[in-house]
Amino acid sequence: MKRNLLHILLPVSVLALSACGTTATSPVARHSFEYPQSESFAGNFLAGKVAQSDYSMSEAARYLIRAQELDPDNPDLRQRTFLALIADGRVSDTETIARQLVAEQPADLFAALAVVDADIRGGDYEQALSIVMALPDRGINTLIRPLAAAWLYTAMDRKQDALDALDGLQRNASLSPLSEYHRGLVLDYFGDLAAAEMAFSRAYGDPADAPLRAAEALGAVYERRGQPQKAALLYQSYMDRHPQSLAMPFHLKRLEEGGAPVRAAVTPASGLAEAYLDIATLLSQENAVDPALLMARYSLSLRPDDDITRLLVGEVMEIQKRYPAAIAIYDTIPVTSPHSWNARLRAAASLEATGQSEAAIALLQPMVNERRDRSDALIQLGDTLRLTQDFGASATAYDQAIERLGGPDQVSWMLLYRRGIAHERSGQWDKAEADFLKALEMEPEQPYVMNYLGYSWVEQGKNFDQAEDMLKRAVALQPEDGYIVDSLGWVYYKLGRFDDAVRELERAVELKPDDPTINDHLGDAFWQTGRFHEARFQWHRALSFSPDDELRATVLAKLEGATPEPASVAANN
């Protein structure tokens, strides 16, 4: 479905991005800009615009609202303020602005959806429907209009009109599963459980391979029809196909304890929220993160306590590098939710991204023993410990994760590669080498493993021929990776092939100009070929890129008169 929707998704992406002034695929870098405290229009507008480009939406909304108060007739400012409020989750605060925007331009999708939200809260479904039907039947509207109309007709107790509205999605065959899924939800709402079961069954074929929400919806129908064994079989089958899913164990336990079925669309408003979530998910899959966030915000406005929607909002915020805001969203998901586990993993990743490694570790450590059947918290803990250079503890976490997964023969090459790095950095070379070789046994031409192992052999002064062969293959596979090219150049340096070393290391510096180690290596190669001024220049460059203490001391010693090793390591072995 995703590939077939590209032509639908593009127009809304362009609309949202042109209004926000940001990009969906590459969030702009943070400015070191001090937002001014000003009562002038220009000051507030500038602060709001910069905050918006930095994805600081709360700040953006605050300044843009003030700017609009100072210039209430500025339509571009009105649009910018409106989008900042929606992105900040303040949908209900946009009603006045949204009605102005719709009056000026009825085709403004996001303003129309904000007015629909206000009309639903006011119980005016006829008015909400008229706003939806006024949208032009093109682009993303061909998806939103029938879904919104179906749920608004449902709110007015017009079952057949609701079902007829969903027929509008059938014009695109790739949208048929979505149409049948919402048909099932509408029929479930009206109590037509037999027809709902048929619609859900048509939507995705084998329910154990369906999206989670569709499988849950069908299971809830089985439960409501008095078929708990059939529901349990579905939940178990889904769990067997998707062993990492935490939702199905939750449903099986709830079913065993006699809990009520969990339904996605208890009310028409929650049904519309589900439709918005589906659209937000599709947009997110297409990397259209700005409009995906807006659609998810509309979904949460109608159904504030939905944890899957909260997860999506948090994930989009992470893409936008709004890590504190993402953490705040994840923290709203209760520990009793089946989605709490993933929320805490994501929160820990966001903490790590903001330099709060200790807080991330403190969050992950209790999770390790909370679910002894899972390895993901241990792997993430190992990653975080490795990034903090606590390599021994990192290796231990990886050890436990690999044990839970059934041993080295049952895990991916990537996990062995990570553990190998932790072993190597903690001085356990024999264990590290075994992990790298096992990883290459699983993935023989893995360039990053070949790079790490080959470079490590060279640093230890052994296996030069094997290392050179490995690194040539790695470079051929990843010719634009400066670190791998550097490793090959360093092999040549250690072999005394200084002209070859210069050639490769110059290319490595071009690819990674700000890496201190690569600049240091090139300086050494220049020195050995008699290019002394260029060598000193490269060493000074290495110092300018914040090397660690050990490398800094080594480079300073060279600049103060010591020279790199004049003979090749290979010649001495």
Protein backbone atom coordinates (compact mmCIF):
# COMPACT_ATOMS: atom_id res chain seq x y z
CA MET A 1 0.00 0.00 0.00
CA LYS A 2 2.76 2.40 0.95
CA ARG A 3 4.34 2.57 -2.49
CA ASN A 4 1.00 3.11 -4.21
CA LEU A 5 0.19 6.05 -1.96
CA LEU A 6 3.17 8.19 -2.94
CA HIS A 7 1.14 10.23 -5.41
CA ILE A 8 -1.48 10.89 -2.72
CA LEU A 9 0.90 11.82 0.07
CA LEU A 10 3.07 14.30 -1.78
CA PRO A 11 0.59 17.17 -2.03
CA VAL A 12 -0.12 17.34 1.70
CA SER A 13 3.59 17.19 2.45
CA VAL A 14 4.20 20.17 0.23
CA LEU A 15 1.29 22.04 1.82
CA ALA A 16 2.49 21.53 5.35
CA LEU A 17 6.11 22.20 4.60
CA SER A 18 5.52 25.38 2.66
CA ALA A 19 3.55 26.74 5.58
CA CYS A 20 5.98 25.66 8.29
CA GLY A 21 9.15 26.47 6.42
CA THR A 22 10.79 23.17 7.42
CA THR A 23 11.67 19.92 5.77
CA ALA A 24 10.02 16.60 6.44
CA THR A 25 13.02 14.39 5.90
CA SER A 26 15.88 16.43 7.41
CA PRO A 27 15.07 18.52 10.47
CA VAL A 28 17.07 21.71 10.49
CA ALA A 29 19.95 22.12 12.90
CA ARG A 30 19.35 23.84 16.21
CA HIS A 31 20.17 27.54 16.28
CA SER A 32 22.12 29.01 19.19
CA PHE A 33 19.61 31.85 19.04
CA GLU A 34 18.43 33.64 22.16
CA TYR A 35 14.71 34.21 21.72
CA PRO A 36 14.24 37.95 22.35
CA GLN A 37 11.93 39.38 24.95
CA SER A 38 10.23 42.04 22.90
CA GLU A 39 6.93 43.82 22.50
CA SER A 40 7.64 44.66 18.86
CA PHE A 41 6.06 42.78 16.00
CA ALA A 42 9.43 42.16 14.35
CA GLY A 43 10.99 40.79 17.54
CA ASN A 44 8.17 38.38 18.26
CA PHE A 45 7.85 37.28 14.64
CA LEU A 46 11.59 36.61 14.32
CA ALA A 47 11.68 34.71 17.62
CA GLY A 48 8.65 32.65 16.59
CA LYS A 49 10.03 31.88 13.16
CA VAL A 50 13.39 30.75 14.54
CA ALA A 51 11.70 28.69 17.27
CA GLN A 52 9.48 27.06 14.64
CA SER A 53 12.44 26.15 12.44
CA ASP A 54 14.07 24.69 15.56
CA TYR A 55 10.91 22.65 16.24
CA SER A 56 10.50 24.46 19.57
CA MET A 57 6.76 24.61 19.04
CA SER A 58 5.70 25.85 22.48
CA GLU A 59 8.06 28.80 22.14
CA ALA A 60 7.03 29.33 18.53
CA ALA A 61 3.34 29.43 19.42
CA ARG A 62 3.92 31.87 22.28
CA TYR A 63 5.83 34.39 20.16
CA LEU A 64 3.68 34.01 17.06
CA ILE A 65 0.47 34.52 19.03
CA ARG A 66 1.90 37.77 20.37
CA ALA A 67 3.03 38.81 16.87
CA GLN A 68 -0.45 38.12 15.53
CA GLU A 69 -1.99 40.25 18.27
CA LEU A 70 0.21 43.08 17.01
CA ASP A 71 -0.65 42.41 13.35
CA PRO A 72 -4.02 40.61 13.29
CA ASP A 73 -4.60 41.09 9.54
CA ASN A 74 -1.49 39.26 8.37
CA PRO A 75 -2.71 36.02 6.68
CA ASP A 76 0.73 34.39 6.41
CA LEU A 77 1.35 35.01 10.10
CA ARG A 78 -2.07 33.60 10.93
CA GLN A 79 -1.25 30.38 9.05
CA ARG A 80 2.16 30.07 10.71
CA THR A 81 0.65 30.61 14.17
CA PHE A 82 -2.08 28.09 13.51
CA LEU A 83 0.38 25.36 12.47
CA ALA A 84 2.62 26.02 15.49
CA LEU A 85 -0.37 25.56 17.81
CA ILE A 86 -1.41 22.31 16.12
CA ALA A 87 2.14 20.93 16.21
CA ASP A 88 2.25 21.80 19.93
CA GLY A 89 -0.92 19.77 20.50
CA ARG A 90 -3.17 22.76 21.20
CA VAL A 91 -5.89 21.90 18.68
CA SER A 92 -8.74 23.32 20.77
CA ASP A 93 -6.90 26.66 21.03
CA THR A 94 -6.97 27.14 17.26
CA GLU A 95 -10.73 27.38 16.74
CA THR A 96 -10.87 31.14 16.18
CA ILE A 97 -7.88 31.20 13.84
CA ALA A 98 -9.04 28.04 12.05
CA ARG A 99 -12.48 29.49 11.31
CA GLN A 100 -10.81 32.61 9.89
CA LEU A 101 -8.56 30.48 7.69
CA VAL A 102 -11.45 28.35 6.43
CA ALA A 103 -13.49 31.47 5.67
CA GLU A 104 -10.58 32.79 3.61
CA GLN A 105 -9.68 29.47 2.01
CA PRO A 106 -12.14 26.55 2.35
CA ALA A 107 -9.59 24.20 0.75
CA ASP A 108 -7.12 24.63 3.66
CA LEU A 109 -7.10 21.03 4.90
CA PHE A 110 -5.53 21.48 8.30
CA ALA A 111 -7.68 24.49 9.16
CA ALA A 112 -10.76 22.55 8.05
CA LEU A 113 -9.83 19.65 10.33
CA ALA A 114 -9.45 22.04 13.26
CA VAL A 115 -12.93 23.43 12.60
CA VAL A 116 -14.27 19.87 12.34
CA ASP A 117 -12.66 19.13 15.71
CA ALA A 118 -14.40 22.14 17.26
CA ASP A 119 -17.76 21.22 15.69
CA ILE A 120 -17.49 17.64 16.98
CA ARG A 121 -16.79 18.91 20.49
CA GLY A 122 -19.86 21.11 20.10
CA GLY A 123 -21.98 18.23 18.78
CA ASP A 124 -22.61 19.93 15.42
CA TYR A 125 -21.95 16.98 13.14
CA GLU A 126 -23.89 18.41 10.18
CA GLN A 127 -21.67 21.48 10.14
CA ALA A 128 -18.55 19.32 10.51
CA LEU A 129 -19.68 17.21 7.56
CA SER A 130 -20.25 20.28 5.40
CA ILE A 131 -16.68 21.43 6.12
CA VAL A 132 -15.30 18.02 5.14
CA MET A 133 -17.33 17.80 1.94
CA ALA A 134 -16.20 21.30 0.91
CA LEU A 135 -12.62 20.06 0.63
CA PRO A 136 -11.52 19.51 -2.98
CA ASP A 137 -11.49 15.84 -3.95
CA ARG A 138 -7.78 15.57 -4.70
CA GLY A 139 -4.50 14.60 -3.04
CA ILE A 140 -4.70 13.44 0.54
CA ASN A 141 -8.32 14.61 0.67
CA THR A 142 -9.31 11.54 -1.34
CA LEU A 143 -8.31 9.58 1.73
CA ILE A 144 -9.54 11.92 4.46
CA ARG A 145 -12.94 12.85 3.01
CA PRO A 146 -14.52 9.37 2.89
CA LEU A 147 -13.12 8.35 6.27
CA ALA A 148 -14.22 11.55 8.00
CA ALA A 149 -17.61 11.48 6.29
CA ALA A 150 -18.17 7.87 7.36
CA TRP A 151 -17.58 8.67 11.02
CA LEU A 152 -19.60 11.88 10.94
CA TYR A 153 -22.52 9.99 9.38
CA THR A 154 -22.03 7.41 12.13
CA ALA A 155 -22.27 10.18 14.74
CA MET A 156 -25.62 11.15 13.16
CA ASP A 157 -26.78 7.52 13.33
CA ARG A 158 -26.84 7.23 9.52
CA LYS A 159 -25.35 3.76 9.16
CA GLN A 160 -25.91 3.22 5.44
CA ASP A 161 -24.58 6.66 4.52
CA ALA A 162 -21.49 5.88 6.59
CA LEU A 163 -20.91 2.61 4.75
CA ASP A 164 -21.56 4.24 1.39
CA ALA A 165 -19.00 6.93 2.20
CA LEU A 166 -16.34 4.27 2.67
CA ASP A 167 -17.01 3.04 -0.87
CA GLY A 168 -15.18 6.19 -2.00
CA LEU A 169 -11.91 4.57 -0.93
CA GLN A 170 -12.49 1.62 -3.23
CA ARG A 171 -11.49 3.67 -6.26
CA ASN A 172 -7.89 2.93 -5.29
CA ALA A 173 -7.40 -0.82 -4.87
CA SER A 174 -4.48 -0.28 -2.50
CA LEU A 175 -6.87 1.48 -0.09
CA SER A 176 -9.33 -1.42 0.04
CA PRO A 177 -7.85 -2.89 3.26
CA LEU A 178 -8.19 0.47 5.01
CA SER A 179 -11.75 0.82 3.73
CA GLU A 180 -12.71 -2.65 4.96
CA TYR A 181 -11.04 -2.06 8.32
CA HIS A 182 -13.10 1.08 8.95
CA ARG A 183 -16.19 -0.62 7.57
CA GLY A 184 -15.68 -3.25 10.24
CA LEU A 185 -15.28 -0.58 12.92
CA VAL A 186 -18.48 1.20 11.82
CA LEU A 187 -20.43 -2.07 11.78
CA ASP A 188 -19.01 -2.98 15.18
CA TYR A 189 -20.16 0.40 16.53
CA PHE A 190 -23.69 -0.25 15.28
CA GLY A 191 -23.65 -3.74 16.82
CA ASP A 192 -23.69 -5.64 13.51
CA LEU A 193 -21.00 -8.00 14.70
CA ALA A 194 -21.40 -10.71 12.05
CA ALA A 195 -20.95 -8.17 9.25
CA ALA A 196 -18.08 -6.53 11.15
CA GLU A 197 -16.31 -9.88 11.38
CA MET A 198 -16.67 -10.37 7.63
CA ALA A 199 -15.28 -6.89 6.90
CA PHE A 200 -12.27 -7.37 9.19
CA SER A 201 -11.62 -10.78 7.62
CA ARG A 202 -11.69 -9.24 4.11
CA ALA A 203 -9.42 -6.37 5.08
CA TYR A 204 -6.06 -8.11 5.42
CA GLY A 205 -6.62 -11.82 4.81
CA ASP A 206 -4.84 -13.84 7.50
CA PRO A 207 -5.46 -11.81 10.68
CA ALA A 208 -2.21 -13.07 12.21
CA ASP A 209 -0.39 -11.14 9.46
CA ALA A 210 -2.62 -8.05 9.65
CA PRO A 211 -1.60 -4.76 11.27
CA LEU A 212 -1.89 -4.91 15.05
CA ARG A 213 -4.99 -2.71 15.27
CA ALA A 214 -6.87 -4.82 12.73
CA ALA A 215 -6.03 -8.05 14.56
CA GLU A 216 -7.12 -6.48 17.84
CA ALA A 217 -10.39 -5.29 16.28
CA LEU A 218 -11.24 -8.74 14.96
CA GLY A 219 -10.38 -10.31 18.32
CA ALA A 220 -12.68 -7.83 20.08
CA VAL A 221 -15.53 -8.84 17.75
CA TYR A 222 -14.95 -12.51 18.55
CA GLU A 223 -15.10 -11.66 22.25
CA ARG A 224 -18.27 -9.62 21.89
CA ARG A 225 -19.87 -12.48 19.95
CA GLY A 226 -19.20 -14.81 22.87
CA GLN A 227 -16.29 -16.61 21.19
CA PRO A 228 -13.40 -16.12 23.65
CA GLN A 229 -11.61 -19.29 22.49
CA LYS A 230 -11.56 -17.99 18.92
CA ALA A 231 -10.22 -14.65 20.16
CA ALA A 232 -7.54 -16.39 22.22
CA LEU A 233 -6.47 -18.45 19.20
CA LEU A 234 -6.15 -15.26 17.13
CA TYR A 235 -4.12 -13.49 19.82
CA GLN A 236 -1.84 -16.52 20.23
CA SER A 237 -1.36 -16.91 16.46
CA TYR A 238 -0.50 -13.23 16.14
CA MET A 239 1.98 -13.52 19.01
CA ASP A 240 3.59 -16.58 17.37
CA ARG A 241 4.09 -14.59 14.14
CA HIS A 242 5.17 -11.43 15.97
CA PRO A 243 6.98 -12.60 19.11
CA GLN A 244 8.13 -9.08 20.01
CA SER A 245 4.54 -7.82 20.27
CA LEU A 246 3.52 -6.98 23.82
CA ALA A 247 -0.11 -6.23 22.97
CA MET A 248 -1.18 -9.83 22.46
CA PRO A 249 0.17 -11.16 25.78
CA PHE A 250 -1.78 -8.29 27.35
CA HIS A 251 -4.97 -9.38 25.59
CA LEU A 252 -4.48 -13.03 26.49
CA LYS A 253 -4.04 -12.15 30.15
CA ARG A 254 -7.04 -9.79 30.04
CA LEU A 255 -9.13 -12.51 28.43
CA GLU A 256 -8.07 -15.02 31.06
CA GLU A 257 -9.04 -12.57 33.82
CA GLY A 258 -12.42 -11.81 32.24
CA GLY A 259 -11.61 -8.23 31.22
CA ALA A 260 -13.72 -6.32 28.71
CA PRO A 261 -12.76 -6.29 25.00
CA VAL A 262 -10.56 -3.40 23.90
CA ARG A 263 -12.19 -1.53 21.02
CA ALA A 264 -10.58 1.11 18.80
CA ALA A 265 -13.84 2.95 18.04
CA VAL A 266 -16.08 3.12 21.09
CA THR A 267 -17.51 6.43 19.85
CA PRO A 268 -17.70 8.07 16.42
CA ALA A 269 -15.08 10.58 17.59
CA SER A 270 -12.69 7.76 18.51
CA GLY A 271 -13.42 6.14 15.12
CA LEU A 272 -12.41 9.37 13.38
CA ALA A 273 -9.35 9.52 15.62
CA GLU A 274 -8.45 6.02 14.41
CA ALA A 275 -8.76 7.22 10.81
CA TYR A 276 -6.47 10.18 11.52
CA LEU A 277 -3.98 7.79 13.16
CA ASP A 278 -4.00 5.56 10.07
CA ILE A 279 -3.28 8.58 7.87
CA ALA A 280 -0.57 9.85 10.24
CA THR A 281 1.08 6.43 10.15
CA LEU A 282 1.08 6.37 6.35
CA LEU A 283 2.60 9.84 6.23
CA SER A 284 5.24 8.88 8.76
CA GLN A 285 6.16 5.82 6.68
CA GLU A 286 6.73 8.18 3.75
CA ASN A 287 9.01 10.40 5.91
CA ALA A 288 6.47 13.23 5.71
CA VAL A 289 6.97 13.85 9.41
CA ASP A 290 5.53 17.38 9.68
CA PRO A 291 2.06 16.51 8.33
CA ALA A 292 2.23 13.15 10.14
CA LEU A 293 2.61 15.02 13.42
CA LEU A 294 -0.32 17.30 12.61
CA MET A 295 -2.60 14.36 11.80
CA ALA A 296 -1.51 12.55 14.98
CA ARG A 297 -2.29 15.70 16.97
CA TYR A 298 -5.81 15.79 15.52
CA SER A 299 -6.17 12.14 16.47
CA LEU A 300 -5.10 12.79 20.06
CA SER A 301 -7.47 15.75 20.31
CA LEU A 302 -10.39 13.38 19.65
CA ARG A 303 -8.96 10.45 21.64
CA PRO A 304 -6.45 11.85 24.16
CA ASP A 305 -5.59 8.61 25.95
CA ASP A 306 -4.60 6.43 23.00
CA ASP A 307 -1.14 5.07 23.68
CA ILE A 308 -0.27 4.02 20.11
CA THR A 309 -0.96 7.57 18.93
CA ARG A 310 1.19 8.92 21.73
CA LEU A 311 3.99 6.60 20.64
CA LEU A 312 3.72 7.89 17.07
CA VAL A 313 3.80 11.52 18.25
CA GLY A 314 6.90 10.77 20.32
CA GLU A 315 8.65 9.01 17.44
CA VAL A 316 7.96 11.91 15.08
CA MET A 317 9.30 14.32 17.69
CA GLU A 318 12.47 12.25 17.92
CA ILE A 319 12.90 12.57 14.15
CA GLN A 320 12.49 16.32 14.60
CA LYS A 321 15.09 16.18 17.41
CA ARG A 322 12.51 17.45 19.91
CA TYR A 323 13.78 15.01 22.50
CA PRO A 324 12.48 16.65 25.71
CA ALA A 325 9.01 16.94 24.15
CA ALA A 326 9.19 13.28 23.05
CA ILE A 327 10.14 12.20 26.57
CA ALA A 328 7.21 14.18 27.98
CA ILE A 329 4.85 12.33 25.62
CA TYR A 330 6.31 8.93 26.46
CA ASP A 331 5.94 9.69 30.17
CA THR A 332 2.17 10.04 29.71
CA ILE A 333 1.87 6.35 28.77
CA PRO A 334 1.02 4.46 31.99
CA VAL A 335 3.13 1.51 33.10
CA THR A 336 -0.01 -0.65 32.96
CA SER A 337 -0.28 -0.10 29.20
CA PRO A 338 1.03 -2.84 26.88
CA HIS A 339 2.82 -0.01 25.06
CA SER A 340 4.67 1.21 28.16
CA TRP A 341 7.67 -1.00 27.40
CA ASN A 342 8.28 0.55 23.99
CA ALA A 343 7.62 4.02 25.39
CA ARG A 344 10.30 3.57 28.03
CA LEU A 345 12.79 2.22 25.49
CA ARG A 346 12.12 5.26 23.31
CA ALA A 347 12.39 7.61 26.31
CA ALA A 348 15.78 6.09 27.17
CA ALA A 349 16.94 6.64 23.58
CA SER A 350 15.83 10.28 23.77
CA LEU A 351 17.64 10.73 27.08
CA GLU A 352 20.79 9.33 25.51
CA ALA A 353 20.38 11.67 22.52
CA THR A 354 20.34 14.67 24.86
CA GLY A 355 23.46 13.58 26.72
CA GLN A 356 21.58 12.22 29.73
CA SER A 357 23.22 8.81 29.64
CA GLU A 358 23.00 8.21 33.38
CA ALA A 359 19.25 8.86 33.33
CA ALA A 360 18.90 6.51 30.34
CA ILE A 361 20.83 3.79 32.17
CA ALA A 362 18.72 4.31 35.31
CA LEU A 363 15.58 3.85 33.21
CA LEU A 364 16.85 0.74 31.43
CA GLN A 365 18.39 -1.17 34.34
CA PRO A 366 15.08 -2.05 36.09
CA MET A 367 13.61 -3.09 32.74
CA VAL A 368 16.30 -5.75 32.34
CA ASN A 369 14.76 -7.89 35.08
CA GLU A 370 11.15 -6.83 34.49
CA ARG A 371 10.81 -9.06 31.42
CA ARG A 372 13.38 -11.84 31.49
CA ASP A 373 12.05 -13.22 28.21
CA ARG A 374 13.14 -10.13 26.30
CA SER A 375 16.56 -8.97 25.16
CA ASP A 376 15.83 -5.49 23.78
CA ALA A 377 16.33 -3.58 27.05
CA LEU A 378 19.64 -5.41 27.61
CA ILE A 379 20.83 -4.59 24.08
CA GLN A 380 19.89 -0.94 24.47
CA LEU A 381 21.58 -0.87 27.89
CA GLY A 382 24.70 -2.36 26.32
CA ASP A 383 24.64 0.29 23.60
CA THR A 384 24.25 3.12 26.11
CA LEU A 385 27.02 1.79 28.36
CA ARG A 386 29.27 1.42 25.32
CA LEU A 387 28.64 5.05 24.33
CA THR A 388 29.58 6.13 27.87
CA GLN A 389 32.78 4.05 27.47
CA ASP A 390 31.86 1.64 30.27
CA PHE A 391 32.96 -1.17 28.01
CA GLY A 392 33.14 -3.95 30.58
CA ALA A 393 29.57 -3.37 31.74
CA SER A 394 28.49 -3.02 28.11
CA ALA A 395 29.97 -6.42 27.23
CA THR A 396 28.21 -7.97 30.23
CA ALA A 397 24.85 -6.58 29.08
CA TYR A 398 25.44 -7.97 25.59
CA ASP A 399 26.43 -11.33 27.11
CA GLN A 400 23.11 -11.54 28.93
CA ALA A 401 21.16 -10.49 25.84
CA ILE A 402 22.86 -13.14 23.70
CA GLU A 403 22.21 -15.77 26.36
CA ARG A 404 18.50 -14.88 26.38
CA LEU A 405 18.40 -15.15 22.62
CA GLY A 406 19.82 -18.67 22.66
CA GLY A 407 23.56 -18.11 22.23
CA PRO A 408 25.90 -16.75 19.52
CA ASP A 409 24.50 -19.03 16.81
CA GLN A 410 21.01 -17.57 17.26
CA VAL A 411 21.74 -13.83 17.13
CA SER A 412 22.44 -11.34 14.37
CA TRP A 413 25.91 -10.37 13.21
CA MET A 414 25.20 -6.85 14.45
CA LEU A 415 24.88 -7.92 18.08
CA LEU A 416 28.13 -9.89 17.91
CA TYR A 417 29.80 -6.87 16.28
CA ARG A 418 28.64 -4.61 19.11
CA ARG A 419 29.83 -7.04 21.75
CA GLY A 420 33.12 -7.43 19.91
CA ILE A 421 33.69 -3.68 20.11
CA ALA A 422 32.92 -3.71 23.85
CA HIS A 423 35.32 -6.63 24.38
CA GLU A 424 38.07 -4.96 22.35
CA ARG A 425 37.73 -1.64 24.13
CA SER A 426 37.76 -3.36 27.54
CA GLY A 427 41.02 -5.17 26.70
CA GLN A 428 39.55 -8.62 26.01
CA TRP A 429 40.95 -9.08 22.53
CA ASP A 430 40.55 -12.85 22.28
CA LYS A 431 36.82 -12.54 22.97
CA ALA A 432 36.54 -9.57 20.59
CA GLU A 433 38.30 -11.39 17.77
CA ALA A 434 36.05 -14.42 18.23
CA ASP A 435 32.97 -12.20 17.99
CA PHE A 436 34.19 -10.44 14.84
CA LEU A 437 35.07 -13.72 13.15
CA LYS A 438 31.70 -15.21 14.11
CA ALA A 439 29.97 -12.11 12.74
CA LEU A 440 31.84 -12.53 9.45
CA GLU A 441 30.88 -16.18 9.37
CA MET A 442 27.26 -15.04 9.45
CA GLU A 443 27.75 -12.06 7.11
CA PRO A 444 30.97 -12.75 5.16
CA GLU A 445 31.18 -9.42 3.32
CA GLN A 446 30.07 -7.11 6.14
CA PRO A 447 32.24 -4.01 5.55
CA TYR A 448 32.04 -2.57 9.09
CA VAL A 449 33.09 -5.83 10.72
CA MET A 450 35.92 -6.26 8.20
CA ASN A 451 37.01 -2.70 8.90
CA TYR A 452 37.08 -3.08 12.67
CA LEU A 453 38.82 -6.46 12.61
CA GLY A 454 41.30 -5.49 9.90
CA TYR A 455 42.22 -2.22 11.61
CA SER A 456 42.60 -3.97 14.96
CA TRP A 457 44.98 -6.55 13.45
CA VAL A 458 47.05 -3.76 11.94
CA GLU A 459 47.23 -1.91 15.25
CA GLN A 460 48.45 -5.12 16.87
CA GLY A 461 51.06 -5.64 14.16
CA LYS A 462 49.74 -8.95 12.81
CA ASN A 463 47.81 -10.53 9.94
CA PHE A 464 48.74 -7.73 7.54
CA ASP A 465 47.93 -9.65 4.37
CA GLN A 466 44.51 -10.68 5.68
CA ALA A 467 43.86 -7.16 6.94
CA GLU A 468 44.78 -5.60 3.59
CA ASP A 469 42.53 -8.01 1.71
CA MET A 470 39.63 -7.40 4.11
CA LEU A 471 39.98 -3.65 3.98
CA LYS A 472 40.20 -3.55 0.18
CA ARG A 473 36.93 -5.46 0.06
CA ALA A 474 35.39 -3.19 2.66
CA VAL A 475 36.41 -0.07 0.71
CA ALA A 476 34.97 -1.55 -2.48
CA LEU A 477 31.67 -2.08 -0.66
CA GLN A 478 31.66 1.31 1.10
CA PRO A 479 33.86 3.63 -1.00
CA GLU A 480 32.41 6.79 0.57
CA ASP A 481 33.08 5.76 4.18
CA GLY A 482 36.04 7.81 5.38
CA TYR A 483 36.74 5.56 8.36
CA ILE A 484 37.08 2.44 6.21
CA VAL A 485 39.27 4.25 3.66
CA ASP A 486 41.41 5.48 6.58
CA SER A 487 41.86 1.90 7.80
CA LEU A 488 43.15 0.81 4.38
CA GLY A 489 45.54 3.77 4.30
CA TRP A 490 46.79 2.86 7.76
CA VAL A 491 47.53 -0.71 6.64
CA TYR A 492 49.69 0.72 3.87
CA TYR A 493 51.40 2.99 6.38
CA LYS A 494 52.20 0.09 8.69
CA LEU A 495 53.52 -1.89 5.72
CA GLY A 496 55.85 0.98 4.83
CA ARG A 497 53.99 1.71 1.58
CA PHE A 498 53.85 5.42 2.35
CA ASP A 499 52.88 6.71 -1.10
CA ASP A 500 49.89 4.33 -1.13
CA ALA A 501 49.09 5.43 2.41
CA VAL A 502 49.08 9.10 1.41
CA ARG A 503 46.76 8.39 -1.51
CA GLU A 504 44.18 6.60 0.63
CA LEU A 505 44.49 8.90 3.65
CA GLU A 506 44.06 12.02 1.55
CA ARG A 507 40.82 10.53 0.25
CA ALA A 508 39.78 9.61 3.79
CA VAL A 509 40.29 13.22 4.93
CA GLU A 510 38.19 14.43 2.01
CA LEU A 511 35.41 12.12 3.15
CA LYS A 512 35.79 12.89 6.90
CA PRO A 513 37.55 16.25 7.07
CA ASP A 514 36.86 16.89 10.77
CA ASP A 515 38.03 13.58 12.25
CA PRO A 516 41.16 14.07 14.40
CA THR A 517 42.49 10.51 14.02
CA ILE A 518 42.29 10.53 10.23
CA ASN A 519 44.04 13.92 10.06
CA ASP A 520 46.73 12.62 12.40
CA HIS A 521 47.24 9.55 10.21
CA LEU A 522 47.62 11.70 7.11
CA GLY A 523 50.16 13.86 8.93
CA ASP A 524 52.20 10.75 9.74
CA ALA A 525 52.09 9.61 6.11
CA PHE A 526 53.12 13.05 4.86
CA TRP A 527 56.08 13.04 7.26
CA GLN A 528 57.30 9.68 6.00
CA THR A 529 57.23 10.94 2.39
CA GLY A 530 59.23 14.06 3.27
CA ARG A 531 56.27 16.47 3.14
CA PHE A 532 57.10 17.95 6.55
CA HIS A 533 55.17 21.25 6.33
CA GLU A 534 52.03 19.43 5.22
CA ALA A 535 52.50 16.91 8.03
CA ARG A 536 52.61 19.65 10.66
CA PHE A 537 49.58 21.30 9.09
CA GLN A 538 47.60 18.03 9.38
CA TRP A 539 48.67 17.53 13.01
CA HIS A 540 47.52 21.05 13.85
CA ARG A 541 44.21 20.25 12.15
CA ALA A 542 43.92 17.09 14.24
CA LEU A 543 44.30 19.20 17.40
CA SER A 544 41.57 21.58 16.23
CA PHE A 545 38.96 18.79 16.14
CA SER A 546 38.88 18.00 19.88
CA PRO A 547 40.87 14.75 20.01
CA ASP A 548 40.78 12.64 23.17
CA ASP A 549 43.55 13.14 25.74
CA GLU A 550 45.69 10.27 24.48
CA LEU A 551 45.64 11.41 20.86
CA ARG A 552 46.22 15.03 21.88
CA ALA A 553 49.36 14.08 23.80
CA THR A 554 50.65 12.01 20.89
CA VAL A 555 50.12 14.81 18.36
CA LEU A 556 51.67 17.44 20.62
CA ALA A 557 54.74 15.24 21.03
CA LYS A 558 55.14 15.11 17.25
CA LEU A 559 54.79 18.85 16.92
CA GLU A 560 57.32 19.41 19.67
CA GLY A 561 60.00 17.45 17.81
CA ALA A 562 59.25 13.74 18.00
CA THR A 563 58.54 12.04 14.70
CA PRO A 564 56.29 9.16 13.71
CA GLU A 565 57.78 5.69 13.58
CA PRO A 566 60.12 5.76 10.56
CA ALA A 567 60.02 2.05 9.76
CA SER A 568 57.02 -0.13 9.06
CA VAL A 569 55.65 -2.30 11.81
CA ALA A 570 55.52 -5.20 9.37
CA ALA A 571 59.27 -5.05 8.88
CA ASN A 572 59.80 -5.56 12.60
CA ASN A 573 57.59 -8.66 12.88
